[in-house]
Amino acid sequence: MKKTFTLSVLTVGLFLFFTGCVKDRGYIDESYWLNKERGEVVYSDAYCQYYIVETAYGYNVLRAADGYKPFDGDIVYGNFSNFGTRDYYNRSSGVIFTSEVKEYWLSYVEAQDAVDYYCY
């Protein structure tokens, strides 16, 4: 009896511990994201994990890092002006996602060439 009670308490405790370790992105503070750079997705291919975002400074090539990739015409907010992996906010669908900036401040032709290089 004592062993059963101890194991059940231990099981419930571990269950509560592991379910509490989930990163919750349920609440989105739009005022934070709207102060970041604004971009529009101008190229997104279903068969390639790279896509192109147009900002005020030029075109940027990003790689989808978490499996989510925005569609053409989506408005996204984040830091597009340097290399690295970070979170972005897709205001069109209300989703926070992770991507990696591979190239930034390119012309459209340069961005298309970069996507061709990375994908094919």
N, C-alpha and C. Protein backbone atom coordinates (compact mmCIF):
# COMPACT_ATOMS: atom_id res chain seq x y z
N MET A 1 0.83 -1.19 0.00
CA MET A 1 0.00 0.00 0.00
C MET A 1 0.87 1.26 0.00
N LYS A 2 1.89 1.24 0.84
CA LYS A 2 2.78 2.40 0.93
C LYS A 2 3.51 2.62 -0.39
N LYS A 3 3.91 1.52 -1.05
CA LYS A 3 4.62 1.61 -2.31
C LYS A 3 3.70 2.17 -3.41
N THR A 4 2.45 1.76 -3.45
CA THR A 4 1.49 2.23 -4.43
C THR A 4 1.23 3.72 -4.26
N PHE A 5 1.06 4.15 -3.01
CA PHE A 5 0.82 5.56 -2.74
C PHE A 5 2.02 6.40 -3.17
N THR A 6 3.21 5.97 -2.85
CA THR A 6 4.43 6.70 -3.19
C THR A 6 4.60 6.81 -4.71
N LEU A 7 4.36 5.70 -5.43
CA LEU A 7 4.50 5.73 -6.89
C LEU A 7 3.44 6.62 -7.54
N SER A 8 2.23 6.60 -7.02
CA SER A 8 1.19 7.45 -7.61
C SER A 8 1.48 8.93 -7.37
N VAL A 9 1.95 9.29 -6.18
CA VAL A 9 2.32 10.68 -5.90
C VAL A 9 3.49 11.11 -6.78
N LEU A 10 4.46 10.23 -6.95
CA LEU A 10 5.62 10.51 -7.80
C LEU A 10 5.18 10.69 -9.26
N THR A 11 4.28 9.86 -9.73
CA THR A 11 3.79 9.95 -11.10
C THR A 11 3.04 11.26 -11.33
N VAL A 12 2.16 11.62 -10.41
CA VAL A 12 1.42 12.87 -10.54
C VAL A 12 2.38 14.06 -10.49
N GLY A 13 3.35 14.03 -9.60
CA GLY A 13 4.34 15.10 -9.51
C GLY A 13 5.14 15.26 -10.79
N LEU A 14 5.61 14.16 -11.38
CA LEU A 14 6.35 14.23 -12.65
C LEU A 14 5.47 14.72 -13.79
N PHE A 15 4.21 14.29 -13.81
CA PHE A 15 3.28 14.76 -14.83
C PHE A 15 3.10 16.27 -14.74
N LEU A 16 2.91 16.79 -13.55
CA LEU A 16 2.74 18.24 -13.38
C LEU A 16 4.01 18.99 -13.74
N PHE A 17 5.16 18.43 -13.41
CA PHE A 17 6.43 19.07 -13.73
C PHE A 17 6.63 19.17 -15.24
N PHE A 18 6.42 18.07 -15.97
CA PHE A 18 6.68 18.07 -17.41
C PHE A 18 5.62 18.84 -18.20
N THR A 19 4.39 18.89 -17.74
CA THR A 19 3.40 19.69 -18.45
C THR A 19 3.57 21.17 -18.18
N GLY A 20 4.26 21.54 -17.12
CA GLY A 20 4.53 22.94 -16.83
C GLY A 20 5.72 23.48 -17.58
N CYS A 21 6.46 22.64 -18.31
CA CYS A 21 7.66 23.07 -19.02
C CYS A 21 7.40 23.42 -20.48
N VAL A 22 6.17 23.66 -20.85
CA VAL A 22 5.82 23.98 -22.23
C VAL A 22 5.86 25.49 -22.42
N LYS A 23 6.49 25.93 -23.50
CA LYS A 23 6.55 27.35 -23.80
C LYS A 23 5.20 27.78 -24.36
N ASP A 24 4.51 28.63 -23.66
CA ASP A 24 3.19 29.07 -24.07
C ASP A 24 3.29 30.36 -24.86
N ARG A 25 2.81 30.32 -26.09
CA ARG A 25 2.78 31.52 -26.93
C ARG A 25 1.33 31.97 -27.16
N GLY A 26 0.47 31.67 -26.18
CA GLY A 26 -0.94 31.99 -26.34
C GLY A 26 -1.23 33.47 -26.36
N TYR A 27 -0.56 34.25 -25.52
CA TYR A 27 -0.78 35.69 -25.47
C TYR A 27 0.26 36.38 -26.33
N ILE A 28 -0.19 37.25 -27.22
CA ILE A 28 0.71 37.99 -28.10
C ILE A 28 0.54 39.47 -27.81
N ASP A 29 1.63 40.11 -27.39
CA ASP A 29 1.64 41.54 -27.13
C ASP A 29 1.94 42.26 -28.45
N GLU A 30 0.88 42.69 -29.15
CA GLU A 30 1.06 43.32 -30.46
C GLU A 30 1.83 44.63 -30.38
N SER A 31 1.73 45.35 -29.30
CA SER A 31 2.45 46.62 -29.19
C SER A 31 3.96 46.39 -29.24
N TYR A 32 4.42 45.26 -28.70
CA TYR A 32 5.84 44.92 -28.77
C TYR A 32 6.25 44.65 -30.22
N TRP A 33 5.47 43.83 -30.92
CA TRP A 33 5.83 43.43 -32.27
C TRP A 33 5.69 44.56 -33.28
N LEU A 34 4.71 45.44 -33.08
CA LEU A 34 4.50 46.52 -34.05
C LEU A 34 5.59 47.58 -34.00
N ASN A 35 6.45 47.54 -32.98
CA ASN A 35 7.60 48.44 -32.92
C ASN A 35 8.82 47.88 -33.64
N LYS A 36 8.72 46.68 -34.17
CA LYS A 36 9.81 46.04 -34.91
C LYS A 36 9.69 46.37 -36.40
N GLU A 37 10.64 45.88 -37.18
CA GLU A 37 10.59 46.08 -38.63
C GLU A 37 9.37 45.37 -39.22
N ARG A 38 8.77 46.02 -40.20
CA ARG A 38 7.62 45.44 -40.89
C ARG A 38 8.08 44.90 -42.23
N GLY A 39 7.59 43.73 -42.57
CA GLY A 39 7.92 43.15 -43.86
C GLY A 39 6.73 42.44 -44.46
N GLU A 40 6.79 42.25 -45.77
CA GLU A 40 5.76 41.51 -46.47
C GLU A 40 6.41 40.34 -47.19
N VAL A 41 5.84 39.16 -47.04
CA VAL A 41 6.36 37.98 -47.72
C VAL A 41 5.98 38.09 -49.20
N VAL A 42 7.01 38.12 -50.05
CA VAL A 42 6.78 38.28 -51.49
C VAL A 42 7.06 37.00 -52.26
N TYR A 43 7.71 36.03 -51.63
CA TYR A 43 7.97 34.75 -52.29
C TYR A 43 8.01 33.65 -51.24
N SER A 44 7.21 32.61 -51.45
CA SER A 44 7.18 31.47 -50.57
C SER A 44 6.81 30.25 -51.40
N ASP A 45 7.66 29.25 -51.40
CA ASP A 45 7.44 28.05 -52.20
C ASP A 45 7.15 26.87 -51.27
N ALA A 46 6.19 26.07 -51.61
CA ALA A 46 5.80 24.94 -50.75
C ALA A 46 6.90 23.88 -50.66
N TYR A 47 7.78 23.80 -51.65
CA TYR A 47 8.79 22.75 -51.67
C TYR A 47 10.16 23.20 -51.17
N CYS A 48 10.26 24.44 -50.72
CA CYS A 48 11.53 24.99 -50.25
C CYS A 48 11.31 25.66 -48.90
N GLN A 49 12.24 25.47 -47.98
CA GLN A 49 12.07 26.06 -46.66
C GLN A 49 12.51 27.52 -46.59
N TYR A 50 12.98 28.08 -47.69
CA TYR A 50 13.41 29.48 -47.74
C TYR A 50 12.30 30.34 -48.35
N TYR A 51 12.21 31.58 -47.89
CA TYR A 51 11.23 32.52 -48.42
C TYR A 51 11.81 33.92 -48.39
N ILE A 52 11.18 34.84 -49.11
CA ILE A 52 11.69 36.21 -49.26
C ILE A 52 10.72 37.18 -48.61
N VAL A 53 11.27 38.09 -47.81
CA VAL A 53 10.50 39.14 -47.15
C VAL A 53 11.00 40.49 -47.63
N GLU A 54 10.07 41.35 -48.07
CA GLU A 54 10.43 42.71 -48.48
C GLU A 54 10.25 43.66 -47.30
N THR A 55 11.30 44.43 -46.98
CA THR A 55 11.24 45.44 -45.93
C THR A 55 11.57 46.80 -46.55
N ALA A 56 11.63 47.82 -45.71
CA ALA A 56 11.96 49.16 -46.18
C ALA A 56 13.41 49.24 -46.68
N TYR A 57 14.27 48.30 -46.26
CA TYR A 57 15.68 48.34 -46.62
C TYR A 57 16.04 47.42 -47.79
N GLY A 58 15.11 46.63 -48.24
CA GLY A 58 15.38 45.71 -49.34
C GLY A 58 14.73 44.37 -49.09
N TYR A 59 15.23 43.36 -49.78
CA TYR A 59 14.68 42.02 -49.70
C TYR A 59 15.57 41.15 -48.83
N ASN A 60 14.94 40.28 -48.03
CA ASN A 60 15.66 39.41 -47.10
C ASN A 60 15.28 37.97 -47.37
N VAL A 61 16.26 37.07 -47.29
CA VAL A 61 16.02 35.64 -47.46
C VAL A 61 16.05 35.01 -46.08
N LEU A 62 14.95 34.32 -45.73
CA LEU A 62 14.83 33.67 -44.44
C LEU A 62 14.60 32.18 -44.62
N ARG A 63 15.03 31.40 -43.64
CA ARG A 63 14.82 29.95 -43.62
C ARG A 63 13.89 29.61 -42.47
N ALA A 64 12.84 28.86 -42.75
CA ALA A 64 11.90 28.44 -41.72
C ALA A 64 12.61 27.48 -40.77
N ALA A 65 12.62 27.81 -39.47
CA ALA A 65 13.37 27.01 -38.51
C ALA A 65 12.49 26.07 -37.70
N ASP A 66 11.22 26.37 -37.55
CA ASP A 66 10.36 25.54 -36.69
C ASP A 66 9.26 24.83 -37.47
N GLY A 67 9.38 24.76 -38.78
CA GLY A 67 8.38 24.06 -39.58
C GLY A 67 7.27 24.95 -40.08
N TYR A 68 7.12 26.13 -39.51
CA TYR A 68 6.09 27.07 -39.96
C TYR A 68 6.70 28.04 -40.96
N LYS A 69 5.99 28.26 -42.07
CA LYS A 69 6.45 29.21 -43.07
C LYS A 69 5.27 30.05 -43.52
N PRO A 70 5.41 31.40 -43.50
CA PRO A 70 4.30 32.25 -43.92
C PRO A 70 4.05 32.16 -45.42
N PHE A 71 2.86 32.59 -45.83
CA PHE A 71 2.46 32.55 -47.23
C PHE A 71 2.74 33.90 -47.90
N ASP A 72 2.68 33.91 -49.23
CA ASP A 72 2.82 35.15 -49.98
C ASP A 72 1.77 36.15 -49.53
N GLY A 73 2.18 37.40 -49.35
CA GLY A 73 1.26 38.46 -48.96
C GLY A 73 1.10 38.64 -47.46
N ASP A 74 1.64 37.72 -46.65
CA ASP A 74 1.54 37.87 -45.19
C ASP A 74 2.40 39.03 -44.71
N ILE A 75 1.89 39.76 -43.72
CA ILE A 75 2.63 40.86 -43.10
C ILE A 75 3.29 40.32 -41.83
N VAL A 76 4.62 40.46 -41.76
CA VAL A 76 5.38 39.92 -40.63
C VAL A 76 6.19 41.03 -39.98
N TYR A 77 6.45 40.86 -38.68
CA TYR A 77 7.21 41.84 -37.91
C TYR A 77 8.35 41.12 -37.19
N GLY A 78 9.50 41.80 -37.08
CA GLY A 78 10.66 41.25 -36.39
C GLY A 78 11.91 41.98 -36.80
N ASN A 79 13.06 41.42 -36.47
CA ASN A 79 14.36 42.00 -36.80
C ASN A 79 14.91 41.28 -38.03
N PHE A 80 14.84 41.94 -39.18
CA PHE A 80 15.29 41.35 -40.44
C PHE A 80 16.66 41.87 -40.86
N SER A 81 17.26 42.79 -40.12
CA SER A 81 18.45 43.50 -40.59
C SER A 81 19.76 42.97 -40.06
N ASN A 82 19.82 41.73 -39.62
CA ASN A 82 21.09 41.08 -39.32
C ASN A 82 20.89 39.58 -39.29
N PHE A 83 22.00 38.85 -39.37
CA PHE A 83 21.95 37.40 -39.43
C PHE A 83 21.54 36.83 -38.07
N GLY A 84 20.94 35.65 -38.10
CA GLY A 84 20.62 34.96 -36.87
C GLY A 84 19.23 34.36 -36.86
N THR A 85 19.01 33.53 -35.87
CA THR A 85 17.71 32.88 -35.67
C THR A 85 16.96 33.62 -34.58
N ARG A 86 15.71 33.97 -34.85
CA ARG A 86 14.91 34.69 -33.86
C ARG A 86 13.44 34.50 -34.16
N ASP A 87 12.61 34.99 -33.27
CA ASP A 87 11.16 34.90 -33.43
C ASP A 87 10.64 36.06 -34.26
N TYR A 88 9.56 35.79 -34.99
CA TYR A 88 8.88 36.78 -35.81
C TYR A 88 7.39 36.66 -35.56
N TYR A 89 6.66 37.71 -35.85
CA TYR A 89 5.21 37.73 -35.65
C TYR A 89 4.52 37.89 -37.00
N ASN A 90 3.67 36.94 -37.33
CA ASN A 90 2.87 37.01 -38.55
C ASN A 90 1.54 37.62 -38.17
N ARG A 91 1.36 38.89 -38.46
CA ARG A 91 0.13 39.58 -38.07
C ARG A 91 -1.06 39.10 -38.89
N SER A 92 -0.82 38.63 -40.10
CA SER A 92 -1.91 38.16 -40.95
C SER A 92 -2.62 36.95 -40.36
N SER A 93 -1.87 36.08 -39.69
CA SER A 93 -2.48 34.88 -39.10
C SER A 93 -2.39 34.84 -37.58
N GLY A 94 -1.73 35.82 -36.96
CA GLY A 94 -1.65 35.88 -35.51
C GLY A 94 -0.75 34.83 -34.91
N VAL A 95 0.36 34.49 -35.57
CA VAL A 95 1.25 33.42 -35.14
C VAL A 95 2.65 33.97 -34.90
N ILE A 96 3.28 33.51 -33.83
CA ILE A 96 4.70 33.78 -33.61
C ILE A 96 5.47 32.55 -34.07
N PHE A 97 6.47 32.76 -34.91
CA PHE A 97 7.23 31.64 -35.46
C PHE A 97 8.72 31.97 -35.44
N THR A 98 9.54 30.97 -35.67
CA THR A 98 10.99 31.13 -35.63
C THR A 98 11.56 30.93 -37.03
N SER A 99 12.44 31.84 -37.43
CA SER A 99 13.14 31.74 -38.71
C SER A 99 14.56 32.25 -38.57
N GLU A 100 15.37 31.91 -39.56
CA GLU A 100 16.77 32.33 -39.58
C GLU A 100 17.00 33.24 -40.77
N VAL A 101 17.58 34.42 -40.54
CA VAL A 101 17.93 35.34 -41.62
C VAL A 101 19.23 34.84 -42.26
N LYS A 102 19.15 34.49 -43.54
CA LYS A 102 20.32 34.01 -44.27
C LYS A 102 20.98 35.14 -45.07
N GLU A 103 20.19 36.03 -45.65
CA GLU A 103 20.68 37.17 -46.42
C GLU A 103 19.74 38.35 -46.16
N TYR A 104 20.30 39.56 -46.17
CA TYR A 104 19.44 40.74 -45.97
C TYR A 104 19.92 41.90 -46.81
N TRP A 105 18.99 42.86 -47.02
CA TRP A 105 19.21 44.08 -47.79
C TRP A 105 19.66 43.79 -49.22
N LEU A 106 18.97 42.89 -49.89
CA LEU A 106 19.29 42.53 -51.27
C LEU A 106 18.29 43.17 -52.22
N SER A 107 18.63 43.17 -53.50
CA SER A 107 17.63 43.50 -54.52
C SER A 107 16.78 42.26 -54.73
N TYR A 108 15.66 42.42 -55.45
CA TYR A 108 14.78 41.26 -55.65
C TYR A 108 15.47 40.16 -56.46
N VAL A 109 16.24 40.54 -57.47
CA VAL A 109 16.95 39.56 -58.30
C VAL A 109 17.99 38.82 -57.46
N GLU A 110 18.72 39.55 -56.63
CA GLU A 110 19.71 38.90 -55.75
C GLU A 110 19.04 37.94 -54.77
N ALA A 111 17.88 38.33 -54.25
CA ALA A 111 17.15 37.47 -53.32
C ALA A 111 16.67 36.20 -54.02
N GLN A 112 16.17 36.33 -55.25
CA GLN A 112 15.74 35.15 -56.02
C GLN A 112 16.92 34.23 -56.31
N ASP A 113 18.07 34.81 -56.65
CA ASP A 113 19.27 34.00 -56.89
C ASP A 113 19.68 33.26 -55.62
N ALA A 114 19.58 33.92 -54.46
CA ALA A 114 19.94 33.29 -53.19
C ALA A 114 19.00 32.13 -52.88
N VAL A 115 17.71 32.31 -53.10
CA VAL A 115 16.76 31.22 -52.87
C VAL A 115 17.04 30.07 -53.82
N ASP A 116 17.35 30.37 -55.07
CA ASP A 116 17.70 29.30 -56.02
C ASP A 116 18.94 28.57 -55.56
N TYR A 117 19.92 29.29 -55.05
CA TYR A 117 21.15 28.66 -54.57
C TYR A 117 20.88 27.76 -53.36
N TYR A 118 20.09 28.23 -52.41
CA TYR A 118 19.84 27.45 -51.20
C TYR A 118 18.91 26.26 -51.44
N CYS A 119 17.98 26.39 -52.37
CA CYS A 119 16.96 25.35 -52.56
C CYS A 119 17.32 24.31 -53.62
N TYR A 120 18.09 24.68 -54.63
CA TYR A 120 18.26 23.77 -55.75
C TYR A 120 19.69 23.44 -56.01
